[in-house]
PDB file of N, CA and C in Angstrom:
ATOM      1  N   GLU A   1      87.413  79.077 108.858  1.00  0.00           N
ATOM      2  CA  GLU A   1      86.680  80.261 107.832  1.00  0.00           C
ATOM      3  C   GLU A   1      85.229  80.861 108.217  1.00  0.00           C
ATOM      4  N   GLU A   2      84.484  79.879 109.300  1.00  0.00           N
ATOM      5  CA  GLU A   2      83.290  80.424 109.612  1.00  0.00           C
ATOM      6  C   GLU A   2      83.239  81.532 110.410  1.00  0.00           C
ATOM      7  N   PRO A   3      84.050  81.371 111.759  1.00  0.00           N
ATOM      8  CA  PRO A   3      84.208  82.178 113.000  1.00  0.00           C
ATOM      9  C   PRO A   3      84.710  83.755 112.284  1.00  0.00           C
ATOM     10  N   ILE A   4      85.437  83.692 111.117  1.00  0.00           N
ATOM     11  CA  ILE A   4      86.147  85.241 110.746  1.00  0.00           C
ATOM     12  C   ILE A   4      85.001  85.740 110.021  1.00  0.00           C
ATOM     13  N   SER A   5      84.374  84.720 108.703  1.00  0.00           N
ATOM     14  CA  SER A   5      83.439  85.284 107.778  1.00  0.00           C
ATOM     15  C   SER A   5      82.128  85.693 109.077  1.00  0.00           C
ATOM     16  N   GLU A   6      81.807  85.621 109.959  1.00  0.00           N
ATOM     17  CA  GLU A   6      80.714  86.193 110.664  1.00  0.00           C
ATOM     18  C   GLU A   6      81.293  87.596 111.365  1.00  0.00           C
ATOM     19  N   ARG A   7      82.570  87.821 111.273  1.00  0.00           N
ATOM     20  CA  ARG A   7      83.444  89.389 111.707  1.00  0.00           C
ATOM     21  C   ARG A   7      83.315  89.969 110.352  1.00  0.00           C
ATOM     22  N   LEU A   8      84.028  89.349 109.180  1.00  0.00           N
ATOM     23  CA  LEU A   8      84.131  90.044 108.037  1.00  0.00           C
ATOM     24  C   LEU A   8      83.400  89.073 106.856  1.00  0.00           C
ATOM     25  N   LYS A   9      82.198  90.271 106.758  1.00  0.00           N
ATOM     26  CA  LYS A   9      81.034  89.508 105.673  1.00  0.00           C
ATOM     27  C   LYS A   9      81.930  89.676 104.528  1.00  0.00           C
ATOM     28  N   ASP A  10      82.619  90.280 104.361  1.00  0.00           N
ATOM     29  CA  ASP A  10      83.284  90.170 102.412  1.00  0.00           C
ATOM     30  C   ASP A  10      83.832  88.637 102.294  1.00  0.00           C
ATOM     31  N   ILE A  11      84.331  88.335 103.744  1.00  0.00           N
ATOM     32  CA  ILE A  11      84.655  86.651 103.198  1.00  0.00           C
ATOM     33  C   ILE A  11      83.815  85.677 102.504  1.00  0.00           C
ATOM     34  N   LYS A  12      82.448  85.716 103.199  1.00  0.00           N
ATOM     35  CA  LYS A  12      81.088  84.952 102.707  1.00  0.00           C
ATOM     36  C   LYS A  12      80.771  85.490 101.440  1.00  0.00           C
ATOM     37  N   ARG A  13      80.724  86.931 101.198  1.00  0.00           N
ATOM     38  CA  ARG A  13      80.195  87.278  99.846  1.00  0.00           C
ATOM     39  C   ARG A  13      81.372  87.384  98.798  1.00  0.00           C
ATOM     40  N   ILE A  14      82.922  87.079  99.180  1.00  0.00           N
ATOM     41  CA  ILE A  14      83.289  86.380  97.897  1.00  0.00           C
ATOM     42  C   ILE A  14      82.963  84.837  97.671  1.00  0.00           C
ATOM     43  N   HIS A  15      83.192  84.211  98.635  1.00  0.00           N
ATOM     44  CA  HIS A  15      82.812  82.626  98.421  1.00  0.00           C
ATOM     45  C   HIS A  15      81.380  82.823  97.690  1.00  0.00           C
ATOM     46  N   ASN A  16      80.569  83.295  97.980  1.00  0.00           N
ATOM     47  CA  ASN A  16      79.058  83.378  97.406  1.00  0.00           C
ATOM     48  C   ASN A  16      79.375  83.511  96.085  1.00  0.00           C
ATOM     49  N   LEU A  17      80.069  84.808  95.954  1.00  0.00           N
ATOM     50  CA  LEU A  17      80.122  85.128  94.447  1.00  0.00           C
ATOM     51  C   LEU A  17      80.768  84.175  93.344  1.00  0.00           C
ATOM     52  N   CYS A  18      81.912  83.643  94.122  1.00  0.00           N
ATOM     53  CA  CYS A  18      82.387  82.658  93.273  1.00  0.00           C
ATOM     54  C   CYS A  18      81.718  81.620  92.767  1.00  0.00           C
ATOM     55  N   ILE A  19      81.154  81.028  93.950  1.00  0.00           N
ATOM     56  CA  ILE A  19      80.457  79.371  93.897  1.00  0.00           C
ATOM     57  C   ILE A  19      78.912  80.225  92.727  1.00  0.00           C
ATOM     58  N   ASP A  20      78.527  81.293  92.796  1.00  0.00           N
ATOM     59  CA  ASP A  20      77.258  81.958  91.962  1.00  0.00           C
ATOM     60  C   ASP A  20      77.787  81.850  90.426  1.00  0.00           C
ATOM     61  N   HIS A  21      78.964  82.189  90.179  1.00  0.00           N
ATOM     62  CA  HIS A  21      79.493  82.333  89.057  1.00  0.00           C
ATOM     63  C   HIS A  21      80.016  81.077  88.164  1.00  0.00           C
ATOM     64  N   GLY A  22      79.891  79.980  89.003  1.00  0.00           N
ATOM     65  CA  GLY A  22      80.595  78.468  88.727  1.00  0.00           C
ATOM     66  C   GLY A  22      81.547  77.987  88.830  1.00  0.00           C
ATOM     67  N   ALA A  23      82.248  78.569  90.323  1.00  0.00           N
ATOM     68  CA  ALA A  23      83.379  77.948  90.836  1.00  0.00           C
ATOM     69  C   ALA A  23      82.925  76.566  91.640  1.00  0.00           C
ATOM     70  N   LEU A  24      83.643  75.409  91.241  1.00  0.00           N
ATOM     71  CA  LEU A  24      83.458  74.539  91.494  1.00  0.00           C
ATOM     72  C   LEU A  24      83.383  74.506  93.446  1.00  0.00           C
ATOM     73  N   GLY A  25      84.291  75.527  93.846  1.00  0.00           N
ATOM     74  CA  GLY A  25      84.534  75.477  95.293  1.00  0.00           C
ATOM     75  C   GLY A  25      85.227  76.534  95.509  1.00  0.00           C
ATOM     76  N   ALA A  26      85.168  77.428  96.896  1.00  0.00           N
ATOM     77  CA  ALA A  26      85.779  78.569  97.462  1.00  0.00           C
ATOM     78  C   ALA A  26      86.048  78.150  98.598  1.00  0.00           C
ATOM     79  N   VAL A  27      87.255  78.496  99.164  1.00  0.00           N
ATOM     80  CA  VAL A  27      87.664  78.238 100.369  1.00  0.00           C
ATOM     81  C   VAL A  27      88.579  79.519 100.965  1.00  0.00           C
ATOM     82  N   MET A  28      88.651  79.968 102.117  1.00  0.00           N
ATOM     83  CA  MET A  28      89.848  80.961 102.767  1.00  0.00           C
ATOM     84  C   MET A  28      90.458  80.161 102.869  1.00  0.00           C
ATOM     85  N   SER A  29      92.179  80.898 102.522  1.00  0.00           N
ATOM     86  CA  SER A  29      93.247  80.470 102.678  1.00  0.00           C
ATOM     87  C   SER A  29      93.864  80.801 104.067  1.00  0.00           C
ATOM     88  N   GLY A  30      94.504  79.809 104.777  1.00  0.00           N
ATOM     89  CA  GLY A  30      95.049  80.088 105.946  1.00  0.00           C
ATOM     90  C   GLY A  30      94.153  80.813 106.711  1.00  0.00           C
ATOM     91  N   THR A  31      94.944  81.808 107.413  1.00  0.00           N
ATOM     92  CA  THR A  31      94.113  82.757 108.462  1.00  0.00           C
ATOM     93  C   THR A  31      93.191  84.061 107.733  1.00  0.00           C
ATOM     94  N   GLY A  32      93.470  83.966 106.293  1.00  0.00           N
ATOM     95  CA  GLY A  32      92.709  85.178 105.841  1.00  0.00           C
ATOM     96  C   GLY A  32      93.778  85.905 105.635  1.00  0.00           C
ATOM     97  N   PRO A  33      93.301  87.124 104.812  1.00  0.00           N
ATOM     98  CA  PRO A  33      91.634  87.285 104.288  1.00  0.00           C
ATOM     99  C   PRO A  33      91.679  86.970 102.608  1.00  0.00           C
ATOM    100  N   THR A  34      92.683  85.659 102.506  1.00  0.00           N
ATOM    101  CA  THR A  34      92.444  85.414 100.989  1.00  0.00           C
ATOM    102  C   THR A  34      91.607  83.909 100.732  1.00  0.00           C
ATOM    103  N   VAL A  35      90.732  84.665  99.702  1.00  0.00           N
ATOM    104  CA  VAL A  35      89.806  83.224  99.414  1.00  0.00           C
ATOM    105  C   VAL A  35      90.192  82.939  97.606  1.00  0.00           C
ATOM    106  N   PHE A  36      90.243  81.774  97.565  1.00  0.00           N
ATOM    107  CA  PHE A  36      90.560  81.207  96.482  1.00  0.00           C
ATOM    108  C   PHE A  36      89.195  80.123  96.406  1.00  0.00           C
ATOM    109  N   ALA A  37      89.463  80.075  94.660  1.00  0.00           N
ATOM    110  CA  ALA A  37      87.951  79.176  94.075  1.00  0.00           C
ATOM    111  C   ALA A  37      88.681  78.351  93.085  1.00  0.00           C
ATOM    112  N   LEU A  38      88.032  77.348  93.229  1.00  0.00           N
ATOM    113  CA  LEU A  38      88.511  75.936  91.628  1.00  0.00           C
ATOM    114  C   LEU A  38      87.480  76.230  91.000  1.00  0.00           C
ATOM    115  N   CYS A  39      88.268  76.181  89.436  1.00  0.00           N
ATOM    116  CA  CYS A  39      87.249  76.308  88.469  1.00  0.00           C
ATOM    117  C   CYS A  39      87.260  75.283  87.598  1.00  0.00           C
ATOM    118  N   ASN A  40      86.497  74.614  86.457  1.00  0.00           N
ATOM    119  CA  ASN A  40      86.887  73.446  86.036  1.00  0.00           C
ATOM    120  C   ASN A  40      87.293  73.717  84.319  1.00  0.00           C
ATOM    121  N   SER A  41      86.983  75.184  84.427  1.00  0.00           N
ATOM    122  CA  SER A  41      87.316  75.870  82.614  1.00  0.00           C
ATOM    123  C   SER A  41      88.062  77.206  82.906  1.00  0.00           C
ATOM    124  N   GLU A  42      88.582  77.507  81.816  1.00  0.00           N
ATOM    125  CA  GLU A  42      89.277  78.675  82.045  1.00  0.00           C
ATOM    126  C   GLU A  42      87.868  79.810  81.809  1.00  0.00           C
ATOM    127  N   SER A  43      86.973  79.594  81.020  1.00  0.00           N
ATOM    128  CA  SER A  43      86.006  80.446  80.936  1.00  0.00           C
ATOM    129  C   SER A  43      85.081  80.385  82.246  1.00  0.00           C
ATOM    130  N   VAL A  44      85.286  79.444  82.751  1.00  0.00           N
ATOM    131  CA  VAL A  44      84.258  79.934  84.326  1.00  0.00           C
ATOM    132  C   VAL A  44      85.229  80.700  85.000  1.00  0.00           C
ATOM    133  N   ALA A  45      86.315  80.457  84.854  1.00  0.00           N
ATOM    134  CA  ALA A  45      87.700  81.176  85.682  1.00  0.00           C
ATOM    135  C   ALA A  45      87.105  82.711  85.455  1.00  0.00           C
ATOM    136  N   THR A  46      87.132  82.944  84.098  1.00  0.00           N
ATOM    137  CA  THR A  46      87.180  84.185  83.674  1.00  0.00           C
ATOM    138  C   THR A  46      85.980  84.909  84.412  1.00  0.00           C
ATOM    139  N   GLN A  47      84.671  83.995  84.163  1.00  0.00           N
ATOM    140  CA  GLN A  47      83.393  84.398  84.587  1.00  0.00           C
ATOM    141  C   GLN A  47      83.797  84.723  86.392  1.00  0.00           C
ATOM    142  N   VAL A  48      84.323  83.833  87.095  1.00  0.00           N
ATOM    143  CA  VAL A  48      84.475  84.301  88.349  1.00  0.00           C
ATOM    144  C   VAL A  48      85.224  85.564  89.025  1.00  0.00           C
ATOM    145  N   PHE A  49      86.591  85.599  87.630  1.00  0.00           N
ATOM    146  CA  PHE A  49      87.160  86.777  87.886  1.00  0.00           C
ATOM    147  C   PHE A  49      86.597  88.055  87.281  1.00  0.00           C
ATOM    148  N   ASN A  50      85.665  88.026  86.381  1.00  0.00           N
ATOM    149  CA  ASN A  50      85.060  89.229  86.200  1.00  0.00           C
ATOM    150  C   ASN A  50      83.950  89.666  87.072  1.00  0.00           C
ATOM    151  N   ALA A  51      83.300  88.894  87.760  1.00  0.00           N
ATOM    152  CA  ALA A  51      82.200  89.447  89.247  1.00  0.00           C
ATOM    153  C   ALA A  51      82.779  89.981  89.958  1.00  0.00           C
ATOM    154  N   LEU A  52      84.302  89.492  90.529  1.00  0.00           N
ATOM    155  CA  LEU A  52      84.918  89.766  91.901  1.00  0.00           C
ATOM    156  C   LEU A  52      85.413  91.038  91.602  1.00  0.00           C
ATOM    157  N   SER A  53      86.231  91.198  89.905  1.00  0.00           N
ATOM    158  CA  SER A  53      86.960  92.465  89.864  1.00  0.00           C
ATOM    159  C   SER A  53      85.919  93.446  90.124  1.00  0.00           C
ATOM    160  N   ILE A  54      84.490  93.652  89.778  1.00  0.00           N
ATOM    161  CA  ILE A  54      83.621  94.313  90.044  1.00  0.00           C
ATOM    162  C   ILE A  54      83.624  94.875  91.172  1.00  0.00           C
ATOM    163  N   GLU A  55      83.626  94.182  92.208  1.00  0.00           N
ATOM    164  CA  GLU A  55      83.643  94.765  93.698  1.00  0.00           C
ATOM    165  C   GLU A  55      84.758  94.463  94.510  1.00  0.00           C
ATOM    166  N   TYR A  56      86.000  94.431  94.147  1.00  0.00           N
ATOM    167  CA  TYR A  56      86.898  94.095  94.791  1.00  0.00           C
ATOM    168  C   TYR A  56      88.501  94.589  93.688  1.00  0.00           C
ATOM    169  N   ASP A  57      89.612  94.850  94.317  1.00  0.00           N
ATOM    170  CA  ASP A  57      90.705  95.263  93.198  1.00  0.00           C
ATOM    171  C   ASP A  57      91.688  94.133  93.383  1.00  0.00           C
ATOM    172  N   SER A  58      92.157  93.684  94.636  1.00  0.00           N
ATOM    173  CA  SER A  58      92.751  92.686  94.328  1.00  0.00           C
ATOM    174  C   SER A  58      92.410  91.203  94.206  1.00  0.00           C
ATOM    175  N   VAL A  59      92.157  91.107  92.263  1.00  0.00           N
ATOM    176  CA  VAL A  59      91.782  89.760  92.408  1.00  0.00           C
ATOM    177  C   VAL A  59      92.961  89.122  91.081  1.00  0.00           C
ATOM    178  N   PHE A  60      92.688  88.077  91.519  1.00  0.00           N
ATOM    179  CA  PHE A  60      93.632  87.464  89.891  1.00  0.00           C
ATOM    180  C   PHE A  60      93.549  85.991  89.546  1.00  0.00           C
ATOM    181  N   LYS A  61      93.777  85.684  88.554  1.00  0.00           N
ATOM    182  CA  LYS A  61      93.194  84.327  87.652  1.00  0.00           C
ATOM    183  C   LYS A  61      94.721  83.943  87.644  1.00  0.00           C
ATOM    184  N   CYS A  62      94.635  82.575  88.100  1.00  0.00           N
ATOM    185  CA  CYS A  62      95.895  81.643  87.914  1.00  0.00           C
ATOM    186  C   CYS A  62      95.436  80.455  87.405  1.00  0.00           C
ATOM    187  N   LYS A  63      96.365  80.039  86.713  1.00  0.00           N
ATOM    188  CA  LYS A  63      96.637  78.497  85.930  1.00  0.00           C
ATOM    189  C   LYS A  63      97.576  77.697  86.751  1.00  0.00           C
ATOM    190  N   PRO A  64      96.940  76.426  87.367  1.00  0.00           N
ATOM    191  CA  PRO A  64      97.752  75.805  87.571  1.00  0.00           C
ATOM    192  C   PRO A  64      98.701  75.102  86.892  1.00  0.00           C
ATOM    193  N   LEU A  65     100.162  74.651  87.524  1.00  0.00           N
ATOM    194  CA  LEU A  65     101.083  74.303  86.682  1.00  0.00           C
ATOM    195  C   LEU A  65     100.662  72.621  86.405  1.00  0.00           C
TER     196      LEU A  65
END
């Protein structure tokens, strides 16, 4: 994650937005550009979703099975 986040500043920006809005953690999936965050409640997930949706088009909130 670190090498690509130096080239693609949005990766680090998304990570920081997730953490700043209450996510327990956020990481890039595979070789990117997908970043996912884990939250301890649906309300926190909604906060993260809303914050990301302001700046990015492809934002999804999912619930694990």
